[in-house]
Amino acid sequence: MTREPTRLIQTGLAALGYDVGRAGADGLVGPDTLAAGRAWLAAGGKAAMAPVAPPPPSKPTGAMIYQGAARYPVREIIVHCAATRADWMAGRALSEKVAEIRRWHLANGWNDIGYHHIIDRDGSTARGRAETVIGSHTLGKNSGTIGICLLGGHGSAETDRFLDHFTPEQDRVLRQMIASIGLRTQIQRVSGHNEYAAKACPGFNVPLWLKR
């Protein structure tokens, strides 16, 4: 049986602040995932943390995600890469890798890791900042956006293909994550960091990749 429907559910639960376990969106229905699902149902389908906004309009296409006191509705997803080598921290838990990236970002003077979601090379995922908190991932484009970071991408160019630097598992999970976020808010654009800065990140052309 395919794990993809379960991965999608786990990704959504984690994004809403529910703990699906240390393994993250692994596609397996374990006790942590079941507990998260029960907690979500008990909360009436609401996020685990109090919303930072009034209720959405009467005719939304999905639940609205708001960020910050200014209540920015999330309309865009921006894809990034960590610019790490394929074997970076090989054999280490994803939580340790996220902790290392958080350490880099704290050294920049930020108050937390800048991304909202991180996708490892085996397709496992981890949550960074809550989706209701404005990220620090794209200069001038943090409000109203969700930042997703793929591990890998060292030495990439913006004209490279996705599979030149990332795995099929990352491809599949990134598409699932984009679809999952789109169920919670009206995403109007999915872009790459290189569309807003003179850099290769995430190491491929996101609009072209998304069409394939």
N, C-alpha and C. Protein backbone atom coordinates (compact mmCIF):
# COMPACT_ATOMS: atom_id res chain seq x y z
N MET A 1 0.85 -1.20 0.00
CA MET A 1 0.00 0.00 0.00
C MET A 1 0.88 1.25 0.00
N THR A 2 0.53 2.21 -0.84
CA THR A 2 1.32 3.43 -0.93
C THR A 2 1.24 4.24 0.36
N ARG A 3 2.34 4.89 0.69
CA ARG A 3 2.38 5.72 1.89
C ARG A 3 2.00 7.16 1.62
N GLU A 4 1.77 7.50 0.33
CA GLU A 4 1.61 8.92 -0.03
C GLU A 4 0.41 9.58 0.64
N PRO A 5 -0.78 8.95 0.70
CA PRO A 5 -1.90 9.63 1.39
C PRO A 5 -1.58 9.93 2.86
N THR A 6 -0.91 8.98 3.51
CA THR A 6 -0.56 9.19 4.92
C THR A 6 0.46 10.30 5.06
N ARG A 7 1.45 10.35 4.15
CA ARG A 7 2.45 11.43 4.17
C ARG A 7 1.74 12.79 4.08
N LEU A 8 0.76 12.88 3.18
CA LEU A 8 0.05 14.15 2.98
C LEU A 8 -0.68 14.56 4.24
N ILE A 9 -1.33 13.60 4.91
CA ILE A 9 -2.03 13.89 6.16
C ILE A 9 -1.04 14.32 7.23
N GLN A 10 0.09 13.60 7.34
CA GLN A 10 1.10 13.95 8.35
C GLN A 10 1.67 15.33 8.11
N THR A 11 1.92 15.67 6.85
CA THR A 11 2.45 16.99 6.52
C THR A 11 1.48 18.08 6.95
N GLY A 12 0.19 17.86 6.69
CA GLY A 12 -0.82 18.84 7.07
C GLY A 12 -0.93 19.00 8.57
N LEU A 13 -0.92 17.86 9.29
CA LEU A 13 -1.01 17.91 10.75
C LEU A 13 0.19 18.65 11.35
N ALA A 14 1.39 18.33 10.84
CA ALA A 14 2.60 18.97 11.35
C ALA A 14 2.57 20.47 11.10
N ALA A 15 2.09 20.86 9.92
CA ALA A 15 2.04 22.28 9.59
C ALA A 15 1.07 23.03 10.49
N LEU A 16 0.06 22.31 11.01
CA LEU A 16 -0.91 22.93 11.92
C LEU A 16 -0.46 22.89 13.37
N GLY A 17 0.75 22.37 13.59
CA GLY A 17 1.31 22.41 14.93
C GLY A 17 1.13 21.14 15.73
N TYR A 18 0.69 20.05 15.09
CA TYR A 18 0.50 18.78 15.80
C TYR A 18 1.73 17.90 15.62
N ASP A 19 2.13 17.23 16.68
CA ASP A 19 3.34 16.40 16.68
C ASP A 19 3.04 15.02 16.11
N VAL A 20 3.62 14.72 14.93
CA VAL A 20 3.42 13.41 14.32
C VAL A 20 4.59 12.47 14.60
N GLY A 21 5.49 12.88 15.49
CA GLY A 21 6.61 12.03 15.87
C GLY A 21 7.92 12.48 15.28
N ARG A 22 9.02 11.96 15.80
CA ARG A 22 10.35 12.37 15.36
C ARG A 22 10.63 12.02 13.91
N ALA A 23 9.98 10.95 13.41
CA ALA A 23 10.21 10.53 12.02
C ALA A 23 9.55 11.47 11.03
N GLY A 24 8.66 12.32 11.49
CA GLY A 24 8.01 13.26 10.59
C GLY A 24 7.03 12.57 9.65
N ALA A 25 6.92 13.08 8.42
CA ALA A 25 5.99 12.53 7.43
C ALA A 25 6.61 11.32 6.76
N ASP A 26 6.60 10.18 7.47
CA ASP A 26 7.22 8.97 6.93
C ASP A 26 6.23 8.05 6.24
N GLY A 27 4.95 8.42 6.24
CA GLY A 27 3.95 7.61 5.56
C GLY A 27 3.45 6.44 6.37
N LEU A 28 3.89 6.30 7.61
CA LEU A 28 3.48 5.19 8.47
C LEU A 28 2.52 5.69 9.55
N VAL A 29 1.44 4.96 9.75
CA VAL A 29 0.46 5.36 10.77
C VAL A 29 0.87 4.75 12.10
N GLY A 30 1.59 5.52 12.90
CA GLY A 30 2.03 5.09 14.22
C GLY A 30 1.23 5.77 15.31
N PRO A 31 1.57 5.51 16.56
CA PRO A 31 0.82 6.10 17.68
C PRO A 31 0.87 7.62 17.71
N ASP A 32 2.00 8.21 17.28
CA ASP A 32 2.10 9.68 17.29
C ASP A 32 1.17 10.29 16.26
N THR A 33 1.12 9.67 15.07
CA THR A 33 0.23 10.18 14.03
C THR A 33 -1.23 10.04 14.45
N LEU A 34 -1.57 8.90 15.05
CA LEU A 34 -2.94 8.70 15.52
C LEU A 34 -3.31 9.72 16.59
N ALA A 35 -2.37 9.97 17.52
CA ALA A 35 -2.62 10.94 18.58
C ALA A 35 -2.80 12.34 18.00
N ALA A 36 -1.98 12.67 17.01
CA ALA A 36 -2.09 13.99 16.36
C ALA A 36 -3.44 14.13 15.67
N GLY A 37 -3.88 13.06 14.99
CA GLY A 37 -5.17 13.10 14.32
C GLY A 37 -6.32 13.28 15.30
N ARG A 38 -6.25 12.58 16.43
CA ARG A 38 -7.30 12.73 17.45
C ARG A 38 -7.32 14.14 18.02
N ALA A 39 -6.13 14.70 18.25
CA ALA A 39 -6.05 16.06 18.79
C ALA A 39 -6.62 17.06 17.80
N TRP A 40 -6.34 16.84 16.52
CA TRP A 40 -6.86 17.73 15.47
C TRP A 40 -8.38 17.67 15.43
N LEU A 41 -8.93 16.44 15.53
CA LEU A 41 -10.39 16.29 15.53
C LEU A 41 -11.00 16.94 16.76
N ALA A 42 -10.35 16.75 17.91
CA ALA A 42 -10.86 17.33 19.15
C ALA A 42 -10.86 18.85 19.09
N ALA A 43 -9.92 19.42 18.33
CA ALA A 43 -9.83 20.87 18.18
C ALA A 43 -10.74 21.40 17.09
N GLY A 44 -11.53 20.51 16.50
CA GLY A 44 -12.46 20.94 15.46
C GLY A 44 -11.78 21.30 14.16
N GLY A 45 -10.61 20.70 13.92
CA GLY A 45 -9.90 20.97 12.67
C GLY A 45 -9.09 22.24 12.69
N LYS A 46 -8.93 22.84 13.87
CA LYS A 46 -8.17 24.09 13.97
C LYS A 46 -6.70 23.80 14.24
N ALA A 47 -5.86 24.82 14.07
CA ALA A 47 -4.43 24.68 14.36
C ALA A 47 -4.23 24.44 15.85
N ALA A 48 -3.08 23.84 16.17
CA ALA A 48 -2.80 23.53 17.56
C ALA A 48 -2.59 24.78 18.39
N MET A 49 -2.10 25.83 17.72
CA MET A 49 -1.89 27.10 18.42
C MET A 49 -3.02 28.06 18.08
N ALA A 50 -3.22 29.04 18.92
CA ALA A 50 -4.30 30.00 18.67
C ALA A 50 -4.04 30.76 17.38
N PRO A 51 -5.04 30.97 16.53
CA PRO A 51 -4.84 31.70 15.28
C PRO A 51 -4.46 33.14 15.54
N VAL A 52 -3.71 33.71 14.60
CA VAL A 52 -3.26 35.09 14.75
C VAL A 52 -4.09 35.97 13.84
N ALA A 53 -5.38 35.66 13.73
CA ALA A 53 -6.22 36.40 12.81
C ALA A 53 -7.68 36.11 13.08
N PRO A 54 -8.56 36.95 12.57
CA PRO A 54 -9.99 36.68 12.65
C PRO A 54 -10.35 35.56 11.69
N PRO A 55 -11.59 35.06 11.74
CA PRO A 55 -12.00 33.99 10.83
C PRO A 55 -11.84 34.41 9.38
N PRO A 56 -11.64 33.45 8.46
CA PRO A 56 -11.50 33.76 7.05
C PRO A 56 -12.82 34.23 6.46
N PRO A 57 -12.80 34.76 5.23
CA PRO A 57 -14.03 35.21 4.58
C PRO A 57 -15.04 34.07 4.48
N SER A 58 -16.26 34.41 4.16
CA SER A 58 -17.33 33.42 4.17
C SER A 58 -17.23 32.39 3.07
N LYS A 59 -16.53 32.71 1.98
CA LYS A 59 -16.44 31.77 0.87
C LYS A 59 -14.98 31.50 0.50
N PRO A 60 -14.17 30.96 1.42
CA PRO A 60 -12.79 30.67 1.10
C PRO A 60 -12.67 29.37 0.33
N THR A 61 -11.58 29.18 -0.40
CA THR A 61 -11.34 27.90 -1.06
C THR A 61 -10.55 26.99 -0.14
N GLY A 62 -10.09 27.50 0.98
CA GLY A 62 -9.36 26.69 1.95
C GLY A 62 -9.14 27.52 3.19
N ALA A 63 -8.68 26.90 4.24
CA ALA A 63 -8.44 27.65 5.47
C ALA A 63 -7.35 28.69 5.25
N MET A 64 -7.54 29.87 5.80
CA MET A 64 -6.58 30.95 5.61
C MET A 64 -5.45 30.87 6.63
N ILE A 65 -4.22 30.97 6.18
CA ILE A 65 -3.08 31.04 7.08
C ILE A 65 -2.67 32.50 7.20
N TYR A 66 -2.61 33.01 8.42
CA TYR A 66 -2.17 34.38 8.64
C TYR A 66 -0.83 34.38 9.34
N GLN A 67 -0.04 35.41 9.06
CA GLN A 67 1.28 35.53 9.66
C GLN A 67 1.47 36.88 10.31
N GLY A 68 1.87 36.87 11.58
CA GLY A 68 2.26 38.10 12.24
C GLY A 68 1.08 38.96 12.65
N ALA A 69 1.40 39.97 13.44
CA ALA A 69 0.37 40.85 13.96
C ALA A 69 -0.35 41.62 12.85
N ALA A 70 0.34 41.82 11.72
CA ALA A 70 -0.28 42.56 10.62
C ALA A 70 -1.24 41.70 9.81
N ARG A 71 -1.32 40.37 10.13
CA ARG A 71 -2.28 39.48 9.49
C ARG A 71 -2.09 39.42 7.98
N TYR A 72 -0.93 38.98 7.57
CA TYR A 72 -0.68 38.78 6.15
C TYR A 72 -1.24 37.44 5.72
N PRO A 73 -2.16 37.38 4.76
CA PRO A 73 -2.62 36.08 4.27
C PRO A 73 -1.52 35.43 3.43
N VAL A 74 -1.31 34.14 3.60
CA VAL A 74 -0.27 33.44 2.84
C VAL A 74 -0.79 33.15 1.44
N ARG A 75 -0.08 33.65 0.44
CA ARG A 75 -0.48 33.48 -0.96
C ARG A 75 0.61 32.85 -1.81
N GLU A 76 1.80 32.66 -1.24
CA GLU A 76 2.93 32.19 -2.06
C GLU A 76 3.79 31.22 -1.28
N ILE A 77 4.34 30.24 -2.00
CA ILE A 77 5.33 29.32 -1.46
C ILE A 77 6.65 29.59 -2.18
N ILE A 78 7.73 29.75 -1.42
CA ILE A 78 9.05 29.98 -2.02
C ILE A 78 9.95 28.81 -1.66
N VAL A 79 10.53 28.18 -2.68
CA VAL A 79 11.36 26.98 -2.50
C VAL A 79 12.83 27.38 -2.41
N HIS A 80 13.53 26.76 -1.47
CA HIS A 80 14.95 27.02 -1.22
C HIS A 80 15.71 25.70 -1.19
N CYS A 81 17.04 25.81 -1.15
CA CYS A 81 17.86 24.65 -0.85
C CYS A 81 18.87 25.05 0.23
N ALA A 82 19.39 24.05 0.92
CA ALA A 82 20.35 24.32 1.99
C ALA A 82 21.76 24.47 1.45
N ALA A 83 21.96 24.18 0.14
CA ALA A 83 23.28 24.24 -0.50
C ALA A 83 24.27 23.29 0.19
N THR A 84 23.76 22.18 0.68
CA THR A 84 24.61 21.17 1.32
C THR A 84 24.93 20.06 0.33
N ARG A 85 26.02 19.36 0.59
CA ARG A 85 26.39 18.22 -0.25
C ARG A 85 25.43 17.05 -0.02
N ALA A 86 25.39 16.14 -0.98
CA ALA A 86 24.46 15.01 -0.89
C ALA A 86 24.71 14.16 0.36
N ASP A 87 25.96 14.10 0.81
CA ASP A 87 26.29 13.26 1.97
C ASP A 87 26.41 14.07 3.27
N TRP A 88 25.91 15.29 3.26
CA TRP A 88 26.02 16.14 4.45
C TRP A 88 25.29 15.51 5.63
N MET A 89 26.00 15.33 6.74
CA MET A 89 25.46 14.75 7.96
C MET A 89 24.76 13.42 7.70
N ALA A 90 25.33 12.63 6.79
CA ALA A 90 24.74 11.33 6.43
C ALA A 90 24.63 10.44 7.66
N GLY A 91 23.51 9.77 7.78
CA GLY A 91 23.28 8.89 8.91
C GLY A 91 22.79 9.57 10.16
N ARG A 92 22.73 10.89 10.15
CA ARG A 92 22.26 11.64 11.32
C ARG A 92 20.75 11.90 11.19
N ALA A 93 20.09 12.07 12.31
CA ALA A 93 18.65 12.32 12.32
C ALA A 93 18.35 13.68 11.68
N LEU A 94 17.19 13.78 11.05
CA LEU A 94 16.79 15.04 10.45
C LEU A 94 16.72 16.14 11.50
N SER A 95 16.31 15.80 12.70
CA SER A 95 16.24 16.81 13.77
C SER A 95 17.60 17.43 14.03
N GLU A 96 18.67 16.65 13.90
CA GLU A 96 20.02 17.18 14.10
C GLU A 96 20.40 18.12 12.96
N LYS A 97 19.99 17.77 11.75
CA LYS A 97 20.28 18.62 10.60
C LYS A 97 19.54 19.95 10.70
N VAL A 98 18.29 19.89 11.13
CA VAL A 98 17.51 21.11 11.31
C VAL A 98 18.14 21.97 12.41
N ALA A 99 18.61 21.33 13.47
CA ALA A 99 19.26 22.07 14.56
C ALA A 99 20.51 22.79 14.05
N GLU A 100 21.24 22.15 13.14
CA GLU A 100 22.45 22.79 12.59
C GLU A 100 22.09 23.99 11.73
N ILE A 101 21.06 23.85 10.90
CA ILE A 101 20.62 24.99 10.08
C ILE A 101 20.11 26.11 10.97
N ARG A 102 19.39 25.74 12.03
CA ARG A 102 18.92 26.77 12.99
C ARG A 102 20.11 27.50 13.59
N ARG A 103 21.19 26.76 13.89
CA ARG A 103 22.39 27.39 14.45
C ARG A 103 22.97 28.40 13.47
N TRP A 104 23.00 28.05 12.18
CA TRP A 104 23.49 28.99 11.16
C TRP A 104 22.66 30.27 11.17
N HIS A 105 21.35 30.09 11.23
CA HIS A 105 20.45 31.24 11.14
C HIS A 105 20.50 32.10 12.40
N LEU A 106 20.64 31.47 13.55
CA LEU A 106 20.79 32.24 14.78
C LEU A 106 22.07 33.06 14.75
N ALA A 107 23.11 32.52 14.11
CA ALA A 107 24.37 33.25 13.99
C ALA A 107 24.21 34.49 13.11
N ASN A 108 23.17 34.48 12.25
CA ASN A 108 22.87 35.67 11.44
C ASN A 108 22.12 36.74 12.22
N GLY A 109 21.77 36.41 13.47
CA GLY A 109 21.02 37.36 14.29
C GLY A 109 19.53 37.16 14.24
N TRP A 110 19.08 36.07 13.55
CA TRP A 110 17.65 35.79 13.49
C TRP A 110 17.23 35.12 14.79
N ASN A 111 15.93 35.09 15.07
CA ASN A 111 15.47 34.51 16.33
C ASN A 111 15.07 33.05 16.21
N ASP A 112 15.21 32.47 15.01
CA ASP A 112 14.88 31.05 14.80
C ASP A 112 15.34 30.66 13.40
N ILE A 113 15.18 29.40 13.06
CA ILE A 113 15.44 28.97 11.69
C ILE A 113 14.51 29.75 10.77
N GLY A 114 14.98 30.08 9.59
CA GLY A 114 14.20 30.95 8.72
C GLY A 114 13.10 30.27 7.94
N TYR A 115 13.21 28.94 7.73
CA TYR A 115 12.25 28.20 6.90
C TYR A 115 11.08 27.68 7.73
N HIS A 116 9.99 27.40 7.04
CA HIS A 116 8.83 26.79 7.68
C HIS A 116 8.86 25.27 7.61
N HIS A 117 9.41 24.74 6.52
CA HIS A 117 9.47 23.29 6.34
C HIS A 117 10.83 22.91 5.75
N ILE A 118 11.31 21.73 6.13
CA ILE A 118 12.57 21.19 5.61
C ILE A 118 12.31 19.79 5.10
N ILE A 119 12.83 19.46 3.90
CA ILE A 119 12.64 18.14 3.31
C ILE A 119 14.01 17.49 3.13
N ASP A 120 14.22 16.36 3.78
CA ASP A 120 15.48 15.63 3.70
C ASP A 120 15.54 14.83 2.41
N ARG A 121 16.69 14.25 2.13
CA ARG A 121 16.91 13.57 0.87
C ARG A 121 16.13 12.26 0.75
N ASP A 122 15.72 11.70 1.87
CA ASP A 122 14.90 10.48 1.84
C ASP A 122 13.41 10.79 1.82
N GLY A 123 13.05 12.07 1.76
CA GLY A 123 11.65 12.47 1.72
C GLY A 123 11.05 12.76 3.07
N SER A 124 11.80 12.53 4.15
CA SER A 124 11.27 12.85 5.47
C SER A 124 11.24 14.37 5.63
N THR A 125 10.34 14.83 6.49
CA THR A 125 10.14 16.27 6.63
C THR A 125 10.22 16.69 8.09
N ALA A 126 10.52 17.96 8.30
CA ALA A 126 10.55 18.54 9.63
C ALA A 126 9.99 19.95 9.54
N ARG A 127 9.39 20.38 10.63
CA ARG A 127 8.84 21.74 10.67
C ARG A 127 9.86 22.69 11.25
N GLY A 128 10.01 23.86 10.65
CA GLY A 128 10.84 24.92 11.20
C GLY A 128 9.95 25.88 11.97
N ARG A 129 9.78 27.07 11.45
CA ARG A 129 8.83 28.00 12.06
C ARG A 129 7.40 27.53 11.77
N ALA A 130 6.49 27.89 12.66
CA ALA A 130 5.08 27.63 12.39
C ALA A 130 4.65 28.45 11.18
N GLU A 131 3.71 27.93 10.42
CA GLU A 131 3.24 28.65 9.23
C GLU A 131 2.62 30.00 9.58
N THR A 132 2.15 30.16 10.81
CA THR A 132 1.54 31.42 11.23
C THR A 132 2.57 32.48 11.64
N VAL A 133 3.85 32.11 11.59
CA VAL A 133 4.93 33.02 11.96
C VAL A 133 5.69 33.42 10.69
N ILE A 134 5.93 34.71 10.51
CA ILE A 134 6.66 35.19 9.34
C ILE A 134 8.07 34.62 9.34
N GLY A 135 8.51 34.10 8.21
CA GLY A 135 9.83 33.49 8.10
C GLY A 135 10.93 34.50 7.84
N SER A 136 12.14 33.97 7.68
CA SER A 136 13.31 34.77 7.28
C SER A 136 14.04 33.97 6.22
N HIS A 137 13.49 33.98 5.03
CA HIS A 137 14.05 33.14 3.96
C HIS A 137 14.27 33.88 2.64
N THR A 138 13.52 34.97 2.41
CA THR A 138 13.66 35.71 1.16
C THR A 138 13.52 37.20 1.44
N LEU A 139 14.59 37.94 1.24
CA LEU A 139 14.59 39.36 1.54
C LEU A 139 13.45 40.08 0.82
N GLY A 140 12.63 40.77 1.58
CA GLY A 140 11.54 41.53 1.02
C GLY A 140 10.31 40.72 0.66
N LYS A 141 10.37 39.40 0.87
CA LYS A 141 9.26 38.53 0.48
C LYS A 141 8.86 37.57 1.60
N ASN A 142 9.16 37.92 2.83
CA ASN A 142 8.85 37.00 3.93
C ASN A 142 7.40 37.04 4.37
N SER A 143 6.78 38.22 4.35
CA SER A 143 5.40 38.34 4.78
C SER A 143 4.47 37.71 3.74
N GLY A 144 3.60 36.84 4.20
CA GLY A 144 2.63 36.23 3.29
C GLY A 144 3.18 35.09 2.46
N THR A 145 4.34 34.56 2.84
CA THR A 145 4.92 33.44 2.10
C THR A 145 5.32 32.31 3.05
N ILE A 146 5.40 31.11 2.51
CA ILE A 146 5.89 29.94 3.22
C ILE A 146 7.21 29.53 2.58
N GLY A 147 8.25 29.36 3.39
CA GLY A 147 9.56 28.96 2.88
C GLY A 147 9.79 27.48 3.10
N ILE A 148 10.06 26.75 2.03
CA ILE A 148 10.36 25.32 2.09
C ILE A 148 11.80 25.11 1.65
N CYS A 149 12.57 24.37 2.44
CA CYS A 149 13.98 24.15 2.14
C CYS A 149 14.25 22.67 1.85
N LEU A 150 14.90 22.41 0.72
CA LEU A 150 15.34 21.07 0.36
C LEU A 150 16.80 20.89 0.79
N LEU A 151 17.11 19.80 1.47
CA LEU A 151 18.51 19.54 1.80
C LEU A 151 19.23 19.05 0.55
N GLY A 152 20.41 19.61 0.30
CA GLY A 152 21.15 19.34 -0.92
C GLY A 152 21.33 20.62 -1.71
N GLY A 153 21.73 20.50 -2.96
CA GLY A 153 21.86 21.66 -3.84
C GLY A 153 23.23 22.28 -3.90
N HIS A 154 24.24 21.67 -3.25
CA HIS A 154 25.60 22.24 -3.30
C HIS A 154 26.10 22.28 -4.74
N GLY A 155 26.63 23.44 -5.14
CA GLY A 155 27.20 23.58 -6.48
C GLY A 155 26.18 23.66 -7.60
N SER A 156 24.93 23.90 -7.27
CA SER A 156 23.88 23.92 -8.30
C SER A 156 23.82 25.27 -9.01
N ALA A 157 23.12 25.28 -10.14
CA ALA A 157 22.85 26.50 -10.90
C ALA A 157 21.36 26.60 -11.11
N GLU A 158 20.88 27.80 -11.31
CA GLU A 158 19.43 27.99 -11.44
C GLU A 158 18.87 27.34 -12.70
N THR A 159 19.75 26.98 -13.65
CA THR A 159 19.29 26.34 -14.89
C THR A 159 19.38 24.81 -14.82
N ASP A 160 19.83 24.26 -13.70
CA ASP A 160 19.94 22.80 -13.57
C ASP A 160 18.55 22.17 -13.45
N ARG A 161 18.52 20.84 -13.63
CA ARG A 161 17.28 20.09 -13.44
C ARG A 161 17.15 19.69 -11.98
N PHE A 162 15.93 19.49 -11.54
CA PHE A 162 15.69 19.11 -10.15
C PHE A 162 16.52 17.89 -9.77
N LEU A 163 16.49 16.85 -10.58
CA LEU A 163 17.15 15.59 -10.23
C LEU A 163 18.66 15.64 -10.38
N ASP A 164 19.21 16.76 -10.83
CA ASP A 164 20.67 16.91 -10.85
C ASP A 164 21.21 17.01 -9.43
N HIS A 165 20.39 17.49 -8.49
CA HIS A 165 20.89 17.76 -7.13
C HIS A 165 19.98 17.22 -6.03
N PHE A 166 18.79 16.77 -6.39
CA PHE A 166 17.85 16.31 -5.39
C PHE A 166 17.31 14.94 -5.78
N THR A 167 16.56 14.33 -4.89
CA THR A 167 16.12 12.95 -5.08
C THR A 167 14.67 12.86 -5.54
N PRO A 168 14.29 11.71 -6.13
CA PRO A 168 12.88 11.52 -6.49
C PRO A 168 11.97 11.62 -5.27
N GLU A 169 12.45 11.17 -4.11
CA GLU A 169 11.64 11.27 -2.89
C GLU A 169 11.36 12.73 -2.54
N GLN A 170 12.37 13.58 -2.70
CA GLN A 170 12.17 15.00 -2.43
C GLN A 170 11.20 15.62 -3.43
N ASP A 171 11.31 15.18 -4.68
CA ASP A 171 10.40 15.67 -5.71
C ASP A 171 8.95 15.37 -5.33
N ARG A 172 8.70 14.13 -4.97
CA ARG A 172 7.35 13.70 -4.64
C ARG A 172 6.82 14.42 -3.39
N VAL A 173 7.63 14.49 -2.36
CA VAL A 173 7.16 15.09 -1.12
C VAL A 173 6.97 16.60 -1.26
N LEU A 174 7.84 17.26 -2.02
CA LEU A 174 7.68 18.70 -2.24
C LEU A 174 6.36 18.98 -2.94
N ARG A 175 6.02 18.18 -3.94
CA ARG A 175 4.74 18.37 -4.63
C ARG A 175 3.57 18.12 -3.68
N GLN A 176 3.69 17.09 -2.84
CA GLN A 176 2.64 16.81 -1.86
C GLN A 176 2.49 17.96 -0.87
N MET A 177 3.62 18.50 -0.43
CA MET A 177 3.58 19.58 0.55
C MET A 177 2.93 20.83 -0.05
N ILE A 178 3.26 21.13 -1.29
CA ILE A 178 2.65 22.28 -1.96
C ILE A 178 1.14 22.08 -2.05
N ALA A 179 0.72 20.86 -2.42
CA ALA A 179 -0.72 20.57 -2.52
C ALA A 179 -1.39 20.67 -1.16
N SER A 180 -0.71 20.19 -0.12
CA SER A 180 -1.27 20.23 1.23
C SER A 180 -1.46 21.66 1.72
N ILE A 181 -0.46 22.51 1.50
CA ILE A 181 -0.58 23.91 1.90
C ILE A 181 -1.70 24.58 1.13
N GLY A 182 -1.85 24.19 -0.14
CA GLY A 182 -2.91 24.76 -0.97
C GLY A 182 -4.31 24.42 -0.49
N LEU A 183 -4.44 23.39 0.36
CA LEU A 183 -5.73 23.06 0.95
C LEU A 183 -6.06 23.96 2.14
N ARG A 184 -5.03 24.63 2.67
CA ARG A 184 -5.22 25.46 3.85
C ARG A 184 -5.28 26.95 3.55
N THR A 185 -4.82 27.34 2.37
CA THR A 185 -4.86 28.74 2.00
C THR A 185 -4.81 28.84 0.48
N GLN A 186 -5.15 29.98 -0.06
CA GLN A 186 -5.24 30.15 -1.51
C GLN A 186 -3.88 30.52 -2.09
N ILE A 187 -3.07 29.51 -2.38
CA ILE A 187 -1.75 29.76 -2.96
C ILE A 187 -1.89 30.20 -4.41
N GLN A 188 -1.32 31.34 -4.70
CA GLN A 188 -1.41 31.91 -6.04
C GLN A 188 -0.11 31.78 -6.83
N ARG A 189 0.98 31.49 -6.12
CA ARG A 189 2.27 31.43 -6.80
C ARG A 189 3.22 30.50 -6.04
N VAL A 190 3.95 29.69 -6.79
CA VAL A 190 5.03 28.86 -6.23
C VAL A 190 6.29 29.26 -6.97
N SER A 191 7.27 29.75 -6.24
CA SER A 191 8.46 30.32 -6.87
C SER A 191 9.73 29.77 -6.23
N GLY A 192 10.85 30.13 -6.84
CA GLY A 192 12.15 29.78 -6.30
C GLY A 192 12.85 31.02 -5.77
N HIS A 193 13.75 30.83 -4.81
CA HIS A 193 14.50 31.95 -4.25
C HIS A 193 15.23 32.72 -5.34
N ASN A 194 15.70 32.00 -6.38
CA ASN A 194 16.46 32.65 -7.45
C ASN A 194 15.62 33.63 -8.28
N GLU A 195 14.31 33.64 -8.09
CA GLU A 195 13.48 34.62 -8.79
C GLU A 195 13.50 35.97 -8.09
N TYR A 196 14.02 36.01 -6.85
CA TYR A 196 14.04 37.23 -6.07
C TYR A 196 15.44 37.66 -5.66
N ALA A 197 16.43 36.85 -5.97
CA ALA A 197 17.81 37.18 -5.58
C ALA A 197 18.77 36.64 -6.63
N ALA A 198 19.93 37.28 -6.74
CA ALA A 198 20.94 36.86 -7.73
C ALA A 198 21.73 35.68 -7.18
N LYS A 199 21.08 34.52 -7.12
CA LYS A 199 21.72 33.32 -6.62
C LYS A 199 21.07 32.10 -7.26
N ALA A 200 21.71 30.95 -7.13
CA ALA A 200 21.20 29.74 -7.76
C ALA A 200 20.03 29.13 -7.00
N CYS A 201 19.97 29.29 -5.71
CA CYS A 201 18.98 28.67 -4.83
C CYS A 201 17.56 28.77 -5.40
N PRO A 202 16.86 27.67 -5.53
CA PRO A 202 17.14 26.33 -4.99
C PRO A 202 17.91 25.40 -5.91
N GLY A 203 18.43 25.90 -7.02
CA GLY A 203 19.22 25.05 -7.89
C GLY A 203 18.44 24.48 -9.06
N PHE A 204 17.29 25.05 -9.35
CA PHE A 204 16.48 24.66 -10.52
C PHE A 204 15.42 25.73 -10.74
N ASN A 205 14.75 25.66 -11.88
CA ASN A 205 13.71 26.62 -12.21
C ASN A 205 12.38 26.08 -11.67
N VAL A 206 11.88 26.66 -10.60
CA VAL A 206 10.70 26.13 -9.93
C VAL A 206 9.45 26.14 -10.82
N PRO A 207 9.11 27.23 -11.52
CA PRO A 207 7.91 27.20 -12.37
C PRO A 207 7.96 26.11 -13.44
N LEU A 208 9.13 25.90 -14.06
CA LEU A 208 9.25 24.85 -15.07
C LEU A 208 9.12 23.47 -14.43
N TRP A 209 9.76 23.28 -13.28
CA TRP A 209 9.66 21.99 -12.57
C TRP A 209 8.21 21.68 -12.22
N LEU A 210 7.49 22.67 -11.77
CA LEU A 210 6.13 22.47 -11.32
C LEU A 210 5.21 22.04 -12.47
N LYS A 211 5.53 22.47 -13.68
CA LYS A 211 4.69 22.13 -14.84
C LYS A 211 4.91 20.69 -15.30
N ARG A 212 6.04 20.10 -14.92
CA ARG A 212 6.37 18.75 -15.42
C ARG A 212 5.60 17.70 -14.65
